[in-house]
PDB file of N, CA and C in Angstrom:
ATOM      1  N   UNK A   1      -6.844 -16.399  -3.638  1.00  0.00           N
ATOM      2  CA  UNK A   1      -7.292 -15.290  -2.350  1.00  0.00           C
ATOM      3  C   UNK A   1      -8.415 -14.345  -2.304  1.00  0.00           C
ATOM      4  N   UNK A   2      -9.273 -14.640  -1.746  1.00  0.00           N
ATOM      5  CA  UNK A   2     -10.448 -13.510  -1.625  1.00  0.00           C
ATOM      6  C   UNK A   2     -10.803 -12.531  -0.555  1.00  0.00           C
ATOM      7  N   UNK A   3     -10.510 -11.884  -1.013  1.00  0.00           N
ATOM      8  CA  UNK A   3     -10.838 -10.426  -0.040  1.00  0.00           C
ATOM      9  C   UNK A   3     -12.377 -10.208   0.132  1.00  0.00           C
ATOM     10  N   UNK A   4     -13.529  -9.867   1.208  1.00  0.00           N
ATOM     11  CA  UNK A   4     -14.900  -9.515   1.337  1.00  0.00           C
ATOM     12  C   UNK A   4     -14.556  -7.945   0.970  1.00  0.00           C
ATOM     13  N   UNK A   5     -15.337  -7.111   0.379  1.00  0.00           N
ATOM     14  CA  UNK A   5     -15.164  -5.870   0.601  1.00  0.00           C
ATOM     15  C   UNK A   5     -15.852  -5.269   1.791  1.00  0.00           C
ATOM     16  N   UNK A   6     -16.749  -5.775   2.176  1.00  0.00           N
ATOM     17  CA  UNK A   6     -17.097  -5.151   3.506  1.00  0.00           C
ATOM     18  C   UNK A   6     -15.895  -4.464   4.492  1.00  0.00           C
ATOM     19  N   UNK A   7     -15.225  -6.468   4.382  1.00  0.00           N
ATOM     20  CA  UNK A   7     -13.785  -6.430   5.468  1.00  0.00           C
ATOM     21  C   UNK A   7     -12.737  -5.345   4.901  1.00  0.00           C
ATOM     22  N   UNK A   8     -12.735  -5.277   3.449  1.00  0.00           N
ATOM     23  CA  UNK A   8     -11.771  -3.985   3.348  1.00  0.00           C
ATOM     24  C   UNK A   8     -12.214  -2.543   3.949  1.00  0.00           C
ATOM     25  N   UNK A   9     -13.406  -2.612   3.811  1.00  0.00           N
ATOM     26  CA  UNK A   9     -13.774  -0.892   3.967  1.00  0.00           C
ATOM     27  C   UNK A   9     -14.081  -0.525   5.553  1.00  0.00           C
ATOM     28  N   UNK A  10     -14.374  -2.098   6.208  1.00  0.00           N
ATOM     29  CA  UNK A  10     -14.609  -2.263   8.118  1.00  0.00           C
ATOM     30  C   UNK A  10     -12.958  -1.898   8.387  1.00  0.00           C
ATOM     31  N   UNK A  11     -11.899  -1.738   7.673  1.00  0.00           N
ATOM     32  CA  UNK A  11     -10.251  -2.157   8.345  1.00  0.00           C
ATOM     33  C   UNK A  11      -9.427  -1.112   7.539  1.00  0.00           C
ATOM     34  N   UNK A  12     -10.633  -0.386   6.619  1.00  0.00           N
ATOM     35  CA  UNK A  12      -9.813   0.308   5.520  1.00  0.00           C
ATOM     36  C   UNK A  12      -8.444  -0.180   5.045  1.00  0.00           C
ATOM     37  N   UNK A  13      -8.433  -1.052   4.534  1.00  0.00           N
ATOM     38  CA  UNK A  13      -7.164  -1.707   4.050  1.00  0.00           C
ATOM     39  C   UNK A  13      -6.989  -1.356   2.290  1.00  0.00           C
ATOM     40  N   UNK A  14      -6.054  -1.079   1.877  1.00  0.00           N
ATOM     41  CA  UNK A  14      -5.712  -0.133   1.147  1.00  0.00           C
ATOM     42  C   UNK A  14      -4.723  -0.847  -0.063  1.00  0.00           C
ATOM     43  N   UNK A  15      -4.124  -1.817   0.648  1.00  0.00           N
ATOM     44  CA  UNK A  15      -2.950  -2.668   0.204  1.00  0.00           C
ATOM     45  C   UNK A  15      -2.493  -3.979   0.603  1.00  0.00           C
ATOM     46  N   UNK A  16      -1.891  -4.565   0.568  1.00  0.00           N
ATOM     47  CA  UNK A  16      -1.338  -5.908   1.392  1.00  0.00           C
ATOM     48  C   UNK A  16      -0.598  -6.527  -0.006  1.00  0.00           C
ATOM     49  N   UNK A  17       0.759  -6.882   0.890  1.00  0.00           N
ATOM     50  CA  UNK A  17       1.929  -7.911   0.542  1.00  0.00           C
ATOM     51  C   UNK A  17       1.150  -9.175   1.318  1.00  0.00           C
ATOM     52  N   UNK A  18       1.236 -10.513  -0.324  1.00  0.00           N
ATOM     53  CA  UNK A  18       1.521 -11.115   0.229  1.00  0.00           C
ATOM     54  C   UNK A  18       2.438 -12.175   0.184  1.00  0.00           C
ATOM     55  N   UNK A  19       3.198 -12.647   1.071  1.00  0.00           N
ATOM     56  CA  UNK A  19       4.583 -13.599   0.542  1.00  0.00           C
ATOM     57  C   UNK A  19       4.458 -14.192   0.066  1.00  0.00           C
ATOM     58  N   UNK A  20       3.553 -15.298   0.234  1.00  0.00           N
ATOM     59  CA  UNK A  20       3.374 -16.500   0.000  1.00  0.00           C
ATOM     60  C   UNK A  20       2.970 -17.002  -1.729  1.00  0.00           C
ATOM     61  N   UNK A  21       2.143 -15.899  -2.123  1.00  0.00           N
ATOM     62  CA  UNK A  21       1.944 -16.016  -3.440  1.00  0.00           C
ATOM     63  C   UNK A  21       2.782 -15.000  -4.192  1.00  0.00           C
ATOM     64  N   UNK A  22       3.676 -14.119  -3.424  1.00  0.00           N
ATOM     65  CA  UNK A  22       4.691 -13.139  -3.591  1.00  0.00           C
ATOM     66  C   UNK A  22       3.541 -12.115  -4.492  1.00  0.00           C
ATOM     67  N   UNK A  23       2.378 -11.361  -4.079  1.00  0.00           N
ATOM     68  CA  UNK A  23       1.630 -10.979  -4.897  1.00  0.00           C
ATOM     69  C   UNK A  23       1.232  -9.564  -3.868  1.00  0.00           C
ATOM     70  N   UNK A  24       0.934  -8.360  -4.593  1.00  0.00           N
ATOM     71  CA  UNK A  24       0.845  -7.098  -3.899  1.00  0.00           C
ATOM     72  C   UNK A  24      -0.753  -7.091  -4.335  1.00  0.00           C
ATOM     73  N   UNK A  25      -1.749  -6.823  -3.564  1.00  0.00           N
ATOM     74  CA  UNK A  25      -2.917  -6.847  -3.589  1.00  0.00           C
ATOM     75  C   UNK A  25      -3.355  -5.116  -3.264  1.00  0.00           C
ATOM     76  N   UNK A  26      -4.193  -3.937  -4.611  1.00  0.00           N
ATOM     77  CA  UNK A  26      -4.451  -2.973  -4.303  1.00  0.00           C
ATOM     78  C   UNK A  26      -5.928  -3.368  -4.187  1.00  0.00           C
ATOM     79  N   UNK A  27      -6.120  -2.466  -3.445  1.00  0.00           N
ATOM     80  CA  UNK A  27      -8.068  -2.043  -3.050  1.00  0.00           C
ATOM     81  C   UNK A  27      -8.804  -1.403  -3.250  1.00  0.00           C
ATOM     82  N   UNK A  28      -9.467  -1.278  -4.520  1.00  0.00           N
ATOM     83  CA  UNK A  28      -9.737  -0.454  -5.868  1.00  0.00           C
ATOM     84  C   UNK A  28     -11.229   0.589  -4.691  1.00  0.00           C
ATOM     85  N   UNK A  29     -11.661  -0.378  -3.937  1.00  0.00           N
ATOM     86  CA  UNK A  29     -12.935  -0.170  -3.572  1.00  0.00           C
ATOM     87  C   UNK A  29     -12.093   1.267  -2.111  1.00  0.00           C
ATOM     88  N   UNK A  30     -11.042   0.921  -1.908  1.00  0.00           N
ATOM     89  CA  UNK A  30     -10.649   2.165  -0.769  1.00  0.00           C
ATOM     90  C   UNK A  30     -10.003   3.459  -1.517  1.00  0.00           C
ATOM     91  N   UNK A  31      -9.503   3.420  -2.764  1.00  0.00           N
ATOM     92  CA  UNK A  31      -8.939   4.136  -3.508  1.00  0.00           C
ATOM     93  C   UNK A  31     -10.130   5.198  -3.682  1.00  0.00           C
ATOM     94  N   UNK A  32     -11.002   4.786  -4.199  1.00  0.00           N
ATOM     95  CA  UNK A  32     -12.107   5.730  -4.784  1.00  0.00           C
ATOM     96  C   UNK A  32     -13.459   5.290  -4.590  1.00  0.00           C
ATOM     97  N   UNK A  33     -13.615   5.232  -2.857  1.00  0.00           N
ATOM     98  CA  UNK A  33     -14.941   5.015  -2.446  1.00  0.00           C
ATOM     99  C   UNK A  33     -16.451   5.262  -2.942  1.00  0.00           C
ATOM    100  N   UNK A  34     -16.282   6.884  -3.356  1.00  0.00           N
ATOM    101  CA  UNK A  34     -17.194   8.022  -3.588  1.00  0.00           C
ATOM    102  C   UNK A  34     -17.608   7.473  -5.010  1.00  0.00           C
ATOM    103  N   UNK A  35     -16.323   7.012  -5.562  1.00  0.00           N
ATOM    104  CA  UNK A  35     -17.040   7.661  -6.847  1.00  0.00           C
ATOM    105  C   UNK A  35     -16.416   8.675  -8.198  1.00  0.00           C
ATOM    106  N   UNK A  36     -16.141   9.390  -7.123  1.00  0.00           N
ATOM    107  CA  UNK A  36     -15.570  10.864  -7.430  1.00  0.00           C
ATOM    108  C   UNK A  36     -14.648  11.471  -8.064  1.00  0.00           C
ATOM    109  N   UNK A  37     -13.517  10.372  -8.069  1.00  0.00           N
ATOM    110  CA  UNK A  37     -12.104  11.203  -8.704  1.00  0.00           C
ATOM    111  C   UNK A  37     -11.703  10.719  -9.940  1.00  0.00           C
ATOM    112  N   UNK A  38     -10.671  11.469 -10.200  1.00  0.00           N
ATOM    113  CA  UNK A  38     -10.549  11.371 -11.919  1.00  0.00           C
ATOM    114  C   UNK A  38      -9.681  10.052 -12.202  1.00  0.00           C
ATOM    115  N   UNK A  39      -9.616   9.596 -13.399  1.00  0.00           N
ATOM    116  CA  UNK A  39      -8.798   8.930 -13.406  1.00  0.00           C
ATOM    117  C   UNK A  39      -7.386   8.829 -13.277  1.00  0.00           C
ATOM    118  N   UNK A  40      -6.707  10.533 -13.439  1.00  0.00           N
ATOM    119  CA  UNK A  40      -5.494  10.664 -13.117  1.00  0.00           C
ATOM    120  C   UNK A  40      -5.387  10.423 -11.359  1.00  0.00           C
ATOM    121  N   UNK A  41      -6.701  10.844 -10.555  1.00  0.00           N
ATOM    122  CA  UNK A  41      -6.079  10.819  -9.477  1.00  0.00           C
ATOM    123  C   UNK A  41      -6.319   9.421  -8.848  1.00  0.00           C
ATOM    124  N   UNK A  42      -6.879   8.588  -9.192  1.00  0.00           N
ATOM    125  CA  UNK A  42      -6.948   7.068  -8.981  1.00  0.00           C
ATOM    126  C   UNK A  42      -5.898   6.297  -9.445  1.00  0.00           C
ATOM    127  N   UNK A  43      -5.414   6.955 -10.659  1.00  0.00           N
ATOM    128  CA  UNK A  43      -3.881   6.374 -10.512  1.00  0.00           C
ATOM    129  C   UNK A  43      -2.694   6.889  -9.970  1.00  0.00           C
ATOM    130  N   UNK A  44      -2.788   7.928  -9.408  1.00  0.00           N
ATOM    131  CA  UNK A  44      -1.821   8.354  -8.095  1.00  0.00           C
ATOM    132  C   UNK A  44      -2.019   7.735  -6.943  1.00  0.00           C
ATOM    133  N   UNK A  45      -3.304   7.342  -6.633  1.00  0.00           N
ATOM    134  CA  UNK A  45      -3.630   6.813  -5.107  1.00  0.00           C
ATOM    135  C   UNK A  45      -3.099   5.811  -5.547  1.00  0.00           C
ATOM    136  N   UNK A  46      -3.748   4.592  -6.478  1.00  0.00           N
ATOM    137  CA  UNK A  46      -2.655   3.455  -6.317  1.00  0.00           C
ATOM    138  C   UNK A  46      -1.546   3.661  -6.438  1.00  0.00           C
ATOM    139  N   UNK A  47      -0.499   4.601  -7.271  1.00  0.00           N
ATOM    140  CA  UNK A  47       0.499   4.260  -7.311  1.00  0.00           C
ATOM    141  C   UNK A  47       1.789   4.568  -5.738  1.00  0.00           C
ATOM    142  N   UNK A  48       1.010   5.621  -5.193  1.00  0.00           N
ATOM    143  CA  UNK A  48       1.090   5.561  -3.603  1.00  0.00           C
ATOM    144  C   UNK A  48       1.211   4.385  -2.823  1.00  0.00           C
ATOM    145  N   UNK A  49      -0.059   3.694  -3.060  1.00  0.00           N
ATOM    146  CA  UNK A  49      -0.578   2.273  -2.186  1.00  0.00           C
ATOM    147  C   UNK A  49       0.654   1.520  -2.523  1.00  0.00           C
ATOM    148  N   UNK A  50       0.818   1.614  -3.653  1.00  0.00           N
ATOM    149  CA  UNK A  50       1.841   0.458  -4.235  1.00  0.00           C
ATOM    150  C   UNK A  50       3.278   0.695  -3.937  1.00  0.00           C
ATOM    151  N   UNK A  51       3.550   1.563  -3.894  1.00  0.00           N
ATOM    152  CA  UNK A  51       5.220   2.378  -3.310  1.00  0.00           C
ATOM    153  C   UNK A  51       5.132   1.742  -1.995  1.00  0.00           C
ATOM    154  N   UNK A  52       3.666   2.427  -1.114  1.00  0.00           N
ATOM    155  CA  UNK A  52       3.813   1.782   0.260  1.00  0.00           C
ATOM    156  C   UNK A  52       4.458   0.524  -0.097  1.00  0.00           C
ATOM    157  N   UNK A  53       3.850  -0.595  -0.337  1.00  0.00           N
ATOM    158  CA  UNK A  53       3.665  -2.020  -0.230  1.00  0.00           C
ATOM    159  C   UNK A  53       5.104  -2.671  -1.089  1.00  0.00           C
ATOM    160  N   UNK A  54       5.565  -1.769  -1.733  1.00  0.00           N
ATOM    161  CA  UNK A  54       7.168  -2.309  -2.310  1.00  0.00           C
ATOM    162  C   UNK A  54       7.753  -2.469  -1.183  1.00  0.00           C
ATOM    163  N   UNK A  55       8.024  -1.249  -0.303  1.00  0.00           N
ATOM    164  CA  UNK A  55       8.852  -0.982   0.850  1.00  0.00           C
ATOM    165  C   UNK A  55       8.739  -2.431   1.521  1.00  0.00           C
ATOM    166  N   UNK A  56       7.206  -2.706   1.761  1.00  0.00           N
ATOM    167  CA  UNK A  56       7.206  -3.910   2.792  1.00  0.00           C
ATOM    168  C   UNK A  56       7.725  -5.294   1.950  1.00  0.00           C
ATOM    169  N   UNK A  57       8.073  -5.006   1.005  1.00  0.00           N
ATOM    170  CA  UNK A  57       8.442  -6.401  -0.017  1.00  0.00           C
ATOM    171  C   UNK A  57       9.908  -6.402  -0.253  1.00  0.00           C
ATOM    172  N   UNK A  58      10.284  -5.298   0.311  1.00  0.00           N
ATOM    173  CA  UNK A  58      12.056  -5.083  -0.023  1.00  0.00           C
ATOM    174  C   UNK A  58      11.932  -5.438   1.236  1.00  0.00           C
ATOM    175  N   UNK A  59      11.312  -5.101   2.613  1.00  0.00           N
ATOM    176  CA  UNK A  59      12.326  -5.707   3.690  1.00  0.00           C
ATOM    177  C   UNK A  59      11.709  -6.795   3.760  1.00  0.00           C
ATOM    178  N   UNK A  60      11.250  -7.370   3.557  1.00  0.00           N
ATOM    179  CA  UNK A  60      10.589  -8.929   3.454  1.00  0.00           C
ATOM    180  C   UNK A  60      11.552  -9.760   2.704  1.00  0.00           C
ATOM    181  N   UNK A  61      11.996  -9.004   1.909  1.00  0.00           N
ATOM    182  CA  UNK A  61      12.934 -10.059   1.010  1.00  0.00           C
ATOM    183  C   UNK A  61      14.320  -9.918   0.860  1.00  0.00           C
ATOM    184  N   UNK A  62      14.613  -9.264   2.189  1.00  0.00           N
ATOM    185  CA  UNK A  62      15.976  -8.843   2.177  1.00  0.00           C
ATOM    186  C   UNK A  62      16.458  -7.971   1.676  1.00  0.00           C
ATOM    187  N   UNK A  63      15.790  -6.887   0.716  1.00  0.00           N
ATOM    188  CA  UNK A  63      16.555  -6.072  -0.118  1.00  0.00           C
ATOM    189  C   UNK A  63      17.010  -5.199  -0.069  1.00  0.00           C
ATOM    190  N   UNK A  64      16.448  -4.591   0.948  1.00  0.00           N
ATOM    191  CA  UNK A  64      16.732  -3.553   2.537  1.00  0.00           C
ATOM    192  C   UNK A  64      17.074  -3.830   3.625  1.00  0.00           C
ATOM    193  N   UNK A  65      17.867  -3.452   4.606  1.00  0.00           N
ATOM    194  CA  UNK A  65      18.640  -3.500   5.855  1.00  0.00           C
ATOM    195  C   UNK A  65      17.381  -3.274   6.457  1.00  0.00           C
ATOM    196  N   UNK A  66      17.726  -3.794   7.756  1.00  0.00           N
ATOM    197  CA  UNK A  66      16.749  -2.863   8.624  1.00  0.00           C
ATOM    198  C   UNK A  66      16.950  -1.770   9.043  1.00  0.00           C
ATOM    199  N   UNK A  67      18.044  -1.177   8.883  1.00  0.00           N
ATOM    200  CA  UNK A  67      18.742   0.057   9.352  1.00  0.00           C
ATOM    201  C   UNK A  67      18.314   0.783   8.393  1.00  0.00           C
ATOM    202  N   UNK A  68      18.124   0.287   7.237  1.00  0.00           N
ATOM    203  CA  UNK A  68      17.878   1.435   5.870  1.00  0.00           C
ATOM    204  C   UNK A  68      16.185   1.407   5.825  1.00  0.00           C
ATOM    205  N   UNK A  69      15.483   0.353   6.259  1.00  0.00           N
ATOM    206  CA  UNK A  69      14.007   0.323   6.646  1.00  0.00           C
ATOM    207  C   UNK A  69      13.559   1.698   7.338  1.00  0.00           C
ATOM    208  N   UNK A  70      14.503   1.228   8.431  1.00  0.00           N
ATOM    209  CA  UNK A  70      13.629   2.636   9.667  1.00  0.00           C
ATOM    210  C   UNK A  70      14.380   4.058   9.482  1.00  0.00           C
ATOM    211  N   UNK A  71      15.331   4.353   8.577  1.00  0.00           N
ATOM    212  CA  UNK A  71      15.464   4.853   7.639  1.00  0.00           C
ATOM    213  C   UNK A  71      14.064   5.638   6.821  1.00  0.00           C
ATOM    214  N   UNK A  72      14.075   4.696   6.095  1.00  0.00           N
ATOM    215  CA  UNK A  72      12.862   5.572   5.274  1.00  0.00           C
ATOM    216  C   UNK A  72      11.607   5.237   6.469  1.00  0.00           C
ATOM    217  N   UNK A  73      11.571   4.747   7.434  1.00  0.00           N
ATOM    218  CA  UNK A  73      10.386   5.301   8.346  1.00  0.00           C
ATOM    219  C   UNK A  73      10.387   6.776   8.610  1.00  0.00           C
ATOM    220  N   UNK A  74      11.863   6.642   8.957  1.00  0.00           N
ATOM    221  CA  UNK A  74      11.722   8.246   9.774  1.00  0.00           C
ATOM    222  C   UNK A  74      11.594   9.261   8.819  1.00  0.00           C
ATOM    223  N   UNK A  75      11.994   9.137   7.560  1.00  0.00           N
ATOM    224  CA  UNK A  75      11.689  10.129   6.392  1.00  0.00           C
ATOM    225  C   UNK A  75      10.040  10.160   5.906  1.00  0.00           C
ATOM    226  N   UNK A  76       9.502   9.249   6.265  1.00  0.00           N
ATOM    227  CA  UNK A  76       7.807   9.214   6.068  1.00  0.00           C
ATOM    228  C   UNK A  76       7.262   9.974   7.356  1.00  0.00           C
ATOM    229  N   UNK A  77       8.157   9.562   8.404  1.00  0.00           N
ATOM    230  CA  UNK A  77       7.442  10.466   9.759  1.00  0.00           C
ATOM    231  C   UNK A  77       7.578  11.630   9.567  1.00  0.00           C
ATOM    232  N   UNK A  78       8.372  12.423   9.102  1.00  0.00           N
ATOM    233  CA  UNK A  78       9.234  14.171   8.857  1.00  0.00           C
ATOM    234  C   UNK A  78       7.835  14.589   7.807  1.00  0.00           C
ATOM    235  N   UNK A  79       7.748  14.096   6.903  1.00  0.00           N
ATOM    236  CA  UNK A  79       6.928  14.472   5.732  1.00  0.00           C
ATOM    237  C   UNK A  79       5.879  15.104   6.253  1.00  0.00           C
ATOM    238  N   UNK A  80       5.840  16.087   5.669  1.00  0.00           N
ATOM    239  CA  UNK A  80       4.094  16.768   5.419  1.00  0.00           C
ATOM    240  C   UNK A  80       3.171  16.550   4.365  1.00  0.00           C
ATOM    241  N   UNK A  81       1.910  15.710   5.052  1.00  0.00           N
ATOM    242  CA  UNK A  81       1.237  15.675   4.213  1.00  0.00           C
ATOM    243  C   UNK A  81      -0.496  16.355   3.846  1.00  0.00           C
TER     244      UNK A  81
END
């Protein structure tokens, strides 16, 4: 599976779960587009994106119920960034 980096930048894709290959893809281009983040900052951003995609994996594999998924979504919506 190939992704065109121009499309990733255009649509600001940070990560995606592909259920056919059971793989989570992370876009390194979106994490540090200007190249000025430290290794720690890059790692933290990658962790956050991975955790976000992991929730989608859990739901698609029916490891969490729709009710649990909606509860997690409500927590995220209330969190101040």
